[in-house]
C-alpha atoms as a PDB file:
ATOM      1  CA  MET A   1      -0.135  -0.036   0.025  1.00  0.00           C
ATOM      2  CA  ASP A   2       2.956   2.402   0.892  1.00  0.00           C
ATOM      3  CA  ARG A   3       4.331   1.968  -2.844  1.00  0.00           C
ATOM      4  CA  MET A   4       0.745   2.587  -4.411  1.00  0.00           C
ATOM      5  CA  ALA A   5       0.737   5.993  -2.147  1.00  0.00           C
ATOM      6  CA  GLN A   6       4.121   6.887  -3.098  1.00  0.00           C
ATOM      7  CA  THR A   7       3.487   6.400  -6.703  1.00  0.00           C
ATOM      8  CA  ALA A   8       0.320   8.638  -6.642  1.00  0.00           C
ATOM      9  CA  LEU A   9       2.114  11.444  -4.595  1.00  0.00           C
ATOM     10  CA  ASN A  10       5.074  11.429  -6.988  1.00  0.00           C
ATOM     11  CA  SER A  11       2.373  11.961  -9.754  1.00  0.00           C
ATOM     12  CA  LEU A  12       0.717  14.672  -7.910  1.00  0.00           C
ATOM     13  CA  LYS A  13       3.859  16.485  -7.386  1.00  0.00           C
ATOM     14  CA  MET A  14       4.375  16.323 -11.400  1.00  0.00           C
ATOM     15  CA  LEU A  15       0.729  17.678 -11.891  1.00  0.00           C
ATOM     16  CA  MET A  16       1.234  20.315  -9.873  1.00  0.00           C
ATOM     17  CA  GLU A  17       4.681  21.375 -11.578  1.00  0.00           C
ATOM     18  CA  ASN A  18       2.605  21.157 -14.770  1.00  0.00           C
ATOM     19  CA  GLN A  19      -0.271  23.299 -13.381  1.00  0.00           C
ATOM     20  CA  THR A  20       2.519  26.064 -11.950  1.00  0.00           C
ATOM     21  CA  ALA A  21       3.857  26.198 -15.621  1.00  0.00           C
ATOM     22  CA  THR A  22       0.228  26.393 -17.424  1.00  0.00           C
ATOM     23  CA  ALA A  23      -0.446  29.144 -14.697  1.00  0.00           C
ATOM     24  CA  HIS A  24       2.775  31.119 -15.692  1.00  0.00           C
ATOM     25  CA  ASN A  25       2.017  30.719 -19.419  1.00  0.00           C
ATOM     26  CA  LEU A  26      -1.554  31.966 -19.221  1.00  0.00           C
ATOM     27  CA  SER A  27      -0.452  34.958 -17.136  1.00  0.00           C
ATOM     28  CA  ASN A  28       2.380  36.060 -19.691  1.00  0.00           C
ATOM     29  CA  LEU A  29      -0.314  35.527 -22.774  1.00  0.00           C
ATOM     30  CA  SER A  30       0.213  39.196 -23.541  1.00  0.00           C
ATOM     31  CA  THR A  31       4.003  39.394 -22.680  1.00  0.00           C
ATOM     32  CA  PRO A  32       5.959  40.406 -26.062  1.00  0.00           C
ATOM     33  CA  GLY A  33       8.284  37.547 -27.172  1.00  0.00           C
ATOM     34  CA  PHE A  34       7.527  35.195 -23.926  1.00  0.00           C
ATOM     35  CA  ARG A  35       8.535  31.743 -24.687  1.00  0.00           C
ATOM     36  CA  GLN A  36       6.162  29.211 -23.533  1.00  0.00           C
ATOM     37  CA  ASP A  37       7.207  27.004 -20.550  1.00  0.00           C
ATOM     38  CA  VAL A  38       7.308  23.410 -21.262  1.00  0.00           C
ATOM     39  CA  VAL A  39       7.344  20.507 -18.774  1.00  0.00           C
ATOM     40  CA  THR A  40       7.478  17.276 -20.580  1.00  0.00           C
ATOM     41  CA  ASP A  41      11.017  16.350 -20.090  1.00  0.00           C
ATOM     42  CA  PHE A  42      10.986  13.534 -17.791  1.00  0.00           C
ATOM     43  CA  GLY A  43      13.584  11.292 -16.057  1.00  0.00           C
ATOM     44  CA  SER A  44      13.974   8.830 -13.354  1.00  0.00           C
ATOM     45  CA  ILE A  45      16.021   8.291  -9.844  1.00  0.00           C
ATOM     46  CA  TYR A  46      16.450   4.934  -8.456  1.00  0.00           C
ATOM     47  CA  LEU A  47      16.725   5.108  -4.367  1.00  0.00           C
ATOM     48  CA  ASN A  48      18.565   2.258  -2.723  1.00  0.00           C
ATOM     49  CA  ARG A  49      18.864   1.148   0.799  1.00  0.00           C
ATOM     50  CA  GLN A  50      22.474   2.673   0.919  1.00  0.00           C
ATOM     51  CA  ASN A  51      20.739   5.865   1.033  1.00  0.00           C
ATOM     52  CA  GLY A  52      18.522   5.034   3.947  1.00  0.00           C
ATOM     53  CA  VAL A  53      15.316   4.130   1.957  1.00  0.00           C
ATOM     54  CA  GLU A  54      13.409   1.201   0.595  1.00  0.00           C
ATOM     55  CA  PRO A  55      14.362   0.501  -3.180  1.00  0.00           C
ATOM     56  CA  ARG A  56      12.165   2.246  -5.698  1.00  0.00           C
ATOM     57  CA  ILE A  57      12.330   4.195  -8.810  1.00  0.00           C
ATOM     58  CA  VAL A  58      10.703   7.623  -8.840  1.00  0.00           C
ATOM     59  CA  SER A  59      10.057  10.091 -11.601  1.00  0.00           C
ATOM     60  CA  SER A  60      12.012  13.558 -11.810  1.00  0.00           C
ATOM     61  CA  ARG A  61      12.167  16.391 -14.213  1.00  0.00           C
ATOM     62  CA  ASN A  62      14.400  18.488 -15.749  1.00  0.00           C
ATOM     63  CA  VAL A  63      12.891  22.016 -15.367  1.00  0.00           C
ATOM     64  CA  GLY A  64      13.673  24.965 -17.636  1.00  0.00           C
ATOM     65  CA  GLY A  65      12.320  23.736 -20.857  1.00  0.00           C
ATOM     66  CA  PHE A  66      10.487  26.236 -23.293  1.00  0.00           C
ATOM     67  CA  SER A  67       9.010  26.323 -26.688  1.00  0.00           C
ATOM     68  CA  ILE A  68      11.137  27.859 -29.620  1.00  0.00           C
ATOM     69  CA  GLN A  69       8.308  28.244 -31.761  1.00  0.00           C
ATOM     70  CA  GLN A  70       8.052  32.035 -33.209  1.00  0.00           C
ATOM     71  CA  GLY A  71       5.122  34.173 -32.001  1.00  0.00           C
ATOM     72  CA  THR A  72       2.930  36.032 -34.343  1.00  0.00           C
ATOM     73  CA  MET A  73       4.414  39.330 -35.539  1.00  0.00           C
ATOM     74  CA  ASP A  74       2.435  42.380 -34.839  1.00  0.00           C
ATOM     75  CA  PHE A  75       3.185  45.539 -37.145  1.00  0.00           C
ATOM     76  CA  THR A  76       3.004  48.639 -34.666  1.00  0.00           C
ATOM     77  CA  LYS A  77       4.548  51.229 -37.051  1.00  0.00           C
ATOM     78  CA  ASN A  78       6.752  52.107 -33.765  1.00  0.00           C
ATOM     79  CA  PRO A  79      10.432  52.370 -34.488  1.00  0.00           C
ATOM     80  CA  MET A  80      11.323  51.485 -31.061  1.00  0.00           C
ATOM     81  CA  ASP A  81       9.501  48.028 -31.490  1.00  0.00           C
ATOM     82  CA  VAL A  82      11.711  45.452 -33.001  1.00  0.00           C
ATOM     83  CA  ALA A  83      11.524  41.864 -33.255  1.00  0.00           C
ATOM     84  CA  ILE A  84      13.465  38.931 -34.572  1.00  0.00           C
ATOM     85  CA  ASP A  85      12.711  37.297 -37.548  1.00  0.00           C
ATOM     86  CA  GLY A  86      13.664  33.292 -37.370  1.00  0.00           C
ATOM     87  CA  ASN A  87      16.228  31.893 -34.866  1.00  0.00           C
ATOM     88  CA  GLY A  88      18.066  34.232 -32.353  1.00  0.00           C
ATOM     89  CA  TYR A  89      17.963  36.231 -29.167  1.00  0.00           C
ATOM     90  CA  PHE A  90      18.591  39.892 -27.773  1.00  0.00           C
ATOM     91  CA  ILE A  91      21.375  39.816 -25.242  1.00  0.00           C
ATOM     92  CA  ILE A  92      19.911  41.571 -22.056  1.00  0.00           C
ATOM     93  CA  GLN A  93      21.126  42.512 -18.559  1.00  0.00           C
ATOM     94  CA  PRO A  94      18.301  41.460 -16.081  1.00  0.00           C
ATOM     95  CA  LYS A  95      17.254  44.286 -13.876  1.00  0.00           C
ATOM     96  CA  ASN A  96      17.332  42.129 -10.867  1.00  0.00           C
ATOM     97  CA  GLY A  97      21.103  41.531 -11.353  1.00  0.00           C
ATOM     98  CA  GLY A  98      22.643  38.158 -12.296  1.00  0.00           C
ATOM     99  CA  ASN A  99      24.696  37.199 -15.620  1.00  0.00           C
ATOM    100  CA  PRO A 100      23.521  38.345 -18.932  1.00  0.00           C
ATOM    101  CA  SER A 101      20.713  36.320 -20.423  1.00  0.00           C
ATOM    102  CA  LEU A 102      18.744  35.840 -23.986  1.00  0.00           C
ATOM    103  CA  SER A 103      15.390  37.527 -24.925  1.00  0.00           C
ATOM    104  CA  ARG A 104      13.002  37.885 -27.531  1.00  0.00           C
ATOM    105  CA  ARG A 105      11.081  40.864 -25.966  1.00  0.00           C
ATOM    106  CA  GLY A 106      11.400  43.754 -28.305  1.00  0.00           C
ATOM    107  CA  ASP A 107       9.226  46.364 -26.900  1.00  0.00           C
ATOM    108  CA  PHE A 108      12.173  48.892 -26.128  1.00  0.00           C
ATOM    109  CA  GLN A 109      12.095  52.388 -24.455  1.00  0.00           C
ATOM    110  CA  THR A 110      14.694  54.754 -22.961  1.00  0.00           C
ATOM    111  CA  ASN A 111      15.118  55.880 -19.197  1.00  0.00           C
ATOM    112  CA  GLU A 112      16.071  59.066 -17.902  1.00  0.00           C
ATOM    113  CA  ASN A 113      19.952  58.156 -18.474  1.00  0.00           C
ATOM    114  CA  GLY A 114      19.224  57.295 -21.982  1.00  0.00           C
ATOM    115  CA  GLU A 115      19.725  53.700 -21.530  1.00  0.00           C
ATOM    116  CA  LEU A 116      17.833  51.194 -23.665  1.00  0.00           C
ATOM    117  CA  LEU A 117      15.266  49.093 -21.668  1.00  0.00           C
ATOM    118  CA  ASP A 118      12.724  46.250 -22.692  1.00  0.00           C
ATOM    119  CA  GLY A 119       9.425  46.624 -21.546  1.00  0.00           C
ATOM    120  CA  ALA A 120      10.031  44.533 -18.165  1.00  0.00           C
ATOM    121  CA  GLY A 121      13.086  47.041 -17.601  1.00  0.00           C
ATOM    122  CA  ASN A 122      15.882  44.688 -18.412  1.00  0.00           C
ATOM    123  CA  LYS A 123      19.222  46.814 -20.074  1.00  0.00           C
ATOM    124  CA  ILE A 124      19.818  45.847 -23.527  1.00  0.00           C
ATOM    125  CA  LEU A 125      23.643  45.574 -24.448  1.00  0.00           C
ATOM    126  CA  ASP A 126      25.625  46.131 -27.321  1.00  0.00           C
ATOM    127  CA  GLY A 127      28.225  43.933 -28.835  1.00  0.00           C
ATOM    128  CA  GLY A 128      30.723  44.672 -26.054  1.00  0.00           C
ATOM    129  CA  LEU A 129      27.955  43.625 -23.714  1.00  0.00           C
ATOM    130  CA  ASN A 130      27.888  47.107 -22.341  1.00  0.00           C
ATOM    131  CA  PRO A 131      24.462  48.856 -21.751  1.00  0.00           C
ATOM    132  CA  VAL A 132      23.232  50.557 -24.713  1.00  0.00           C
ATOM    133  CA  GLU A 133      23.062  54.303 -24.223  1.00  0.00           C
ATOM    134  CA  ILE A 134      21.116  56.580 -26.838  1.00  0.00           C
ATOM    135  CA  PRO A 135      21.363  60.429 -26.868  1.00  0.00           C
ATOM    136  CA  ALA A 136      18.188  62.547 -27.186  1.00  0.00           C
ATOM    137  CA  PHE A 137      16.830  62.367 -30.369  1.00  0.00           C
ATOM    138  CA  ARG A 138      13.889  63.454 -32.893  1.00  0.00           C
ATOM    139  CA  GLU A 139      14.158  60.361 -35.192  1.00  0.00           C
ATOM    140  CA  ILE A 140      15.617  56.934 -34.630  1.00  0.00           C
ATOM    141  CA  ASN A 141      15.936  53.868 -36.962  1.00  0.00           C
ATOM    142  CA  ILE A 142      17.292  50.210 -36.219  1.00  0.00           C
ATOM    143  CA  SER A 143      18.946  48.236 -39.172  1.00  0.00           C
ATOM    144  CA  PRO A 144      18.358  44.542 -39.625  1.00  0.00           C
ATOM    145  CA  GLN A 145      21.910  43.894 -38.326  1.00  0.00           C
ATOM    146  CA  GLY A 146      20.854  46.049 -35.083  1.00  0.00           C
ATOM    147  CA  GLU A 147      22.606  49.295 -35.673  1.00  0.00           C
ATOM    148  CA  ILE A 148      21.109  51.917 -34.207  1.00  0.00           C
ATOM    149  CA  PHE A 149      20.675  55.352 -36.241  1.00  0.00           C
ATOM    150  CA  VAL A 150      19.255  58.660 -34.657  1.00  0.00           C
ATOM    151  CA  GLN A 151      18.853  62.139 -35.434  1.00  0.00           C
ATOM    152  CA  PRO A 152      20.016  63.998 -32.678  1.00  0.00           C
ATOM    153  CA  ILE A 153      17.866  66.953 -31.142  1.00  0.00           C
ATOM    154  CA  GLY A 154      19.534  69.970 -32.347  1.00  0.00           C
ATOM    155  CA  ALA A 155      21.032  68.714 -35.481  1.00  0.00           C
ATOM    156  CA  GLU A 156      20.646  70.066 -38.898  1.00  0.00           C
ATOM    157  CA  PRO A 157      17.360  68.935 -40.971  1.00  0.00           C
ATOM    158  CA  ASP A 158      19.680  67.531 -43.503  1.00  0.00           C
ATOM    159  CA  ALA A 159      22.485  66.136 -41.179  1.00  0.00           C
ATOM    160  CA  LEU A 160      23.121  62.467 -41.640  1.00  0.00           C
ATOM    161  CA  PRO A 161      21.763  59.948 -39.121  1.00  0.00           C
ATOM    162  CA  GLN A 162      24.389  58.954 -36.703  1.00  0.00           C
ATOM    163  CA  ASN A 163      25.493  55.458 -35.453  1.00  0.00           C
ATOM    164  CA  VAL A 164      25.262  55.463 -31.911  1.00  0.00           C
ATOM    165  CA  ALA A 165      25.315  51.609 -30.962  1.00  0.00           C
ATOM    166  CA  THR A 166      24.596  48.242 -32.238  1.00  0.00           C
ATOM    167  CA  ILE A 167      22.206  45.706 -30.302  1.00  0.00           C
ATOM    168  CA  ALA A 168      23.802  42.607 -29.332  1.00  0.00           C
ATOM    169  CA  THR A 169      22.522  39.488 -30.864  1.00  0.00           C
ATOM    170  CA  TYR A 170      22.731  35.805 -30.541  1.00  0.00           C
ATOM    171  CA  VAL A 171      21.821  32.753 -32.505  1.00  0.00           C
ATOM    172  CA  PRO A 172      22.671  29.391 -30.611  1.00  0.00           C
ATOM    173  CA  ALA A 173      24.592  26.811 -32.163  1.00  0.00           C
ATOM    174  CA  GLU A 174      23.454  23.403 -32.851  1.00  0.00           C
ATOM    175  CA  GLU A 175      25.101  22.010 -29.678  1.00  0.00           C
ATOM    176  CA  ASP A 176      23.915  24.899 -27.465  1.00  0.00           C
ATOM    177  CA  LYS A 177      21.341  23.604 -24.659  1.00  0.00           C
ATOM    178  CA  LEU A 178      19.103  26.500 -23.677  1.00  0.00           C
ATOM    179  CA  LYS A 179      17.055  26.624 -20.652  1.00  0.00           C
ATOM    180  CA  LYS A 180      15.254  29.289 -18.408  1.00  0.00           C
ATOM    181  CA  THR A 181      17.150  29.347 -15.158  1.00  0.00           C
ATOM    182  CA  LEU A 182      15.288  29.936 -11.552  1.00  0.00           C
ATOM    183  CA  ASP A 183      15.011  33.665 -12.242  1.00  0.00           C
ATOM    184  CA  GLY A 184      12.871  33.032 -15.445  1.00  0.00           C
ATOM    185  CA  HIS A 185      15.617  34.167 -17.906  1.00  0.00           C
ATOM    186  CA  ILE A 186      17.032  32.097 -20.828  1.00  0.00           C
ATOM    187  CA  ARG A 187      20.719  31.032 -20.627  1.00  0.00           C
ATOM    188  CA  ILE A 188      22.780  28.459 -21.946  1.00  0.00           C
ATOM    189  CA  GLU A 189      22.900  25.397 -19.896  1.00  0.00           C
ATOM    190  CA  SER A 190      26.168  24.317 -18.715  1.00  0.00           C
ATOM    191  CA  GLU A 191      27.485  21.049 -17.955  1.00  0.00           C
ATOM    192  CA  PRO A 192      29.181  19.872 -14.720  1.00  0.00           C
ATOM    193  CA  ASN A 193      33.052  19.530 -15.184  1.00  0.00           C
ATOM    194  CA  GLU A 194      35.157  16.724 -13.797  1.00  0.00           C
ATOM    195  CA  GLU A 195      35.002  17.936 -10.131  1.00  0.00           C
ATOM    196  CA  GLY A 196      31.399  18.109 -10.479  1.00  0.00           C
ATOM    197  CA  LEU A 197      30.967  21.751 -10.382  1.00  0.00           C
ATOM    198  CA  THR A 198      28.646  23.602 -12.846  1.00  0.00           C
ATOM    199  CA  GLU A 199      30.367  26.691 -14.660  1.00  0.00           C
ATOM    200  CA  ILE A 200      28.572  29.323 -16.144  1.00  0.00           C
ATOM    201  CA  ILE A 201      28.716  29.384 -19.930  1.00  0.00           C
ATOM    202  CA  PRO A 202      29.209  33.192 -21.267  1.00  0.00           C
ATOM    203  CA  ILE A 203      27.038  34.479 -24.065  1.00  0.00           C
ATOM    204  CA  GLU A 204      29.181  35.938 -26.662  1.00  0.00           C
ATOM    205  CA  PRO A 205      27.527  38.050 -29.460  1.00  0.00           C
ATOM    206  CA  ASN A 206      27.643  36.737 -33.122  1.00  0.00           C
ATOM    207  CA  GLN A 207      25.157  39.102 -34.696  1.00  0.00           C
ATOM    208  CA  GLN A 208      23.584  36.680 -36.910  1.00  0.00           C
ATOM    209  CA  ALA A 209      19.924  37.442 -35.920  1.00  0.00           C
ATOM    210  CA  LYS A 210      17.842  39.384 -38.333  1.00  0.00           C
ATOM    211  CA  ILE A 211      16.100  42.257 -36.896  1.00  0.00           C
ATOM    212  CA  VAL A 212      12.943  43.759 -38.151  1.00  0.00           C
ATOM    213  CA  SER A 213      11.783  47.191 -36.990  1.00  0.00           C
ATOM    214  CA  GLY A 214       8.441  48.465 -36.468  1.00  0.00           C
ATOM    215  CA  PHE A 215       7.292  44.674 -35.531  1.00  0.00           C
ATOM    216  CA  LEU A 216       6.653  43.442 -32.212  1.00  0.00           C
ATOM    217  CA  GLU A 217       6.571  39.428 -31.481  1.00  0.00           C
ATOM    218  CA  LYS A 218       3.619  38.311 -29.372  1.00  0.00           C
ATOM    219  CA  SER A 219       3.812  35.473 -26.900  1.00  0.00           C
ATOM    220  CA  ASN A 220       3.935  32.252 -28.241  1.00  0.00           C
ATOM    221  CA  VAL A 221       1.518  30.839 -25.723  1.00  0.00           C
ATOM    222  CA  ASN A 222      -1.634  29.103 -27.298  1.00  0.00           C
ATOM    223  CA  ALA A 223      -4.471  30.005 -24.628  1.00  0.00           C
ATOM    224  CA  VAL A 224      -6.929  27.475 -25.916  1.00  0.00           C
ATOM    225  CA  GLU A 225      -4.386  24.473 -25.536  1.00  0.00           C
ATOM    226  CA  GLU A 226      -3.351  26.019 -22.059  1.00  0.00           C
ATOM    227  CA  MET A 227      -6.833  25.807 -20.843  1.00  0.00           C
ATOM    228  CA  VAL A 228      -7.513  22.188 -22.193  1.00  0.00           C
ATOM    229  CA  ASN A 229      -4.111  21.485 -20.213  1.00  0.00           C
ATOM    230  CA  THR A 230      -5.762  23.048 -16.870  1.00  0.00           C
ATOM    231  CA  ILE A 231      -8.746  20.602 -17.397  1.00  0.00           C
ATOM    232  CA  ASP A 232      -6.960  17.432 -17.923  1.00  0.00           C
ATOM    233  CA  GLN A 233      -4.576  18.224 -14.881  1.00  0.00           C
ATOM    234  CA  GLN A 234      -7.438  18.959 -12.843  1.00  0.00           C
ATOM    235  CA  ARG A 235      -9.189  15.546 -13.801  1.00  0.00           C
ATOM    236  CA  LYS A 236      -5.944  13.793 -13.304  1.00  0.00           C
ATOM    237  CA  PHE A 237      -5.447  15.428  -9.958  1.00  0.00           C
ATOM    238  CA  GLU A 238      -8.713  14.309  -8.747  1.00  0.00           C
ATOM    239  CA  MET A 239      -8.020  10.416 -10.140  1.00  0.00           C
ATOM    240  CA  HIS A 240      -4.875  10.135  -8.109  1.00  0.00           C
ATOM    241  CA  VAL A 241      -6.604  11.467  -5.014  1.00  0.00           C
ATOM    242  CA  LYS A 242      -9.042   8.725  -5.267  1.00  0.00           C
ATOM    243  CA  PHE A 243      -6.017   6.305  -5.681  1.00  0.00           C
ATOM    244  CA  ILE A 244      -4.577   7.235  -2.508  1.00  0.00           C
ATOM    245  CA  GLN A 245      -7.924   7.134  -0.548  1.00  0.00           C
ATOM    246  CA  MET A 246      -8.216   3.793  -2.208  1.00  0.00           C
ATOM    247  CA  ALA A 247      -4.644   2.652  -1.093  1.00  0.00           C
ATOM    248  CA  GLU A 248      -5.718   3.848   2.476  1.00  0.00           C
ATOM    249  CA  GLU A 249      -8.881   1.793   2.654  1.00  0.00           C
ATOM    250  CA  LEU A 250      -6.982  -1.460   1.384  1.00  0.00           C
ATOM    251  CA  ASP A 251      -4.722  -0.853   4.014  1.00  0.00           C
ATOM    252  CA  SER A 252      -7.154  -0.518   6.801  1.00  0.00           C
ATOM    253  CA  VAL A 253      -8.850  -3.555   5.525  1.00  0.00           C
ATOM    254  CA  GLY A 254      -5.559  -5.457   5.604  1.00  0.00           C
ATOM    255  CA  ALA A 255      -4.809  -4.289   9.211  1.00  0.00           C
ATOM    256  CA  SER A 256      -8.124  -5.514  10.299  1.00  0.00           C
ATOM    257  CA  LEU A 257      -7.724  -9.117   8.778  1.00  0.00           C
ATOM    258  CA  MET A 258      -4.320  -9.422  10.440  1.00  0.00           C
ATOM    259  CA  ARG A 259      -5.752  -8.481  13.825  1.00  0.00           C
ATOM    260  CA  LEU A 260      -6.107 -11.450  16.149  1.00  0.00           C
ATOM    261  CA  PRO A 261      -9.238 -12.241  17.559  1.00  0.00           C
ATOM    262  CA  GLY A 262      -9.853 -10.502  20.939  1.00  0.00           C
ATOM    263  CA  MET A 263      -6.995  -8.051  20.418  1.00  0.00           C
END
């Protein structure tokens, strides 16, 4: 009976993680460039008596997976809205700190210091992995290679646009494994070295992504699919709860059969 309950509890844990990912996806349905969380990567762990437990195999999950499907392109006509057509990412410095990460979010704006930010407040980095800084301008254009051209305020009307910065982009190689880390940002997954320590793999811009200006990539989350998943997970949750209740009843019946008369 213990193994039946353990199996059901392990499944409930998986369903809870699925529901968390589904809720996160639905909450980011309108977030530009958001990548749908995917929680279908399963593995297994064998526990033995040497670790102080009864021998058994339980399921585990490698978290951090996400969908790379491109979202719908929305034509906004705003020169500060940019999107990556095809594979590739912008390189950002998360506003909460940490190592540089990858992003598809292109709703750009500038703060009071002239730094280029996305809609979440993360800093957009240039080819040298420094924050992009843009002087006050009256007109701005961003090339497919990420070059930022501006007409500064006060410049002559016929003056040529100035190239003030280049947005860093990165197209992953085939051997690169990307995952969402605990802070929700996309980074290159690192492998443990011979000593068992995990080293951080730095992101080096390769400027291979194609940028389109005046477009904004929407979230690639499918709302209907996520709602169907929610209903399915709720039914499975109820089924496993009934399974635990059945294991408890069987355990109670078995205990009563083993009880000696008069005891």
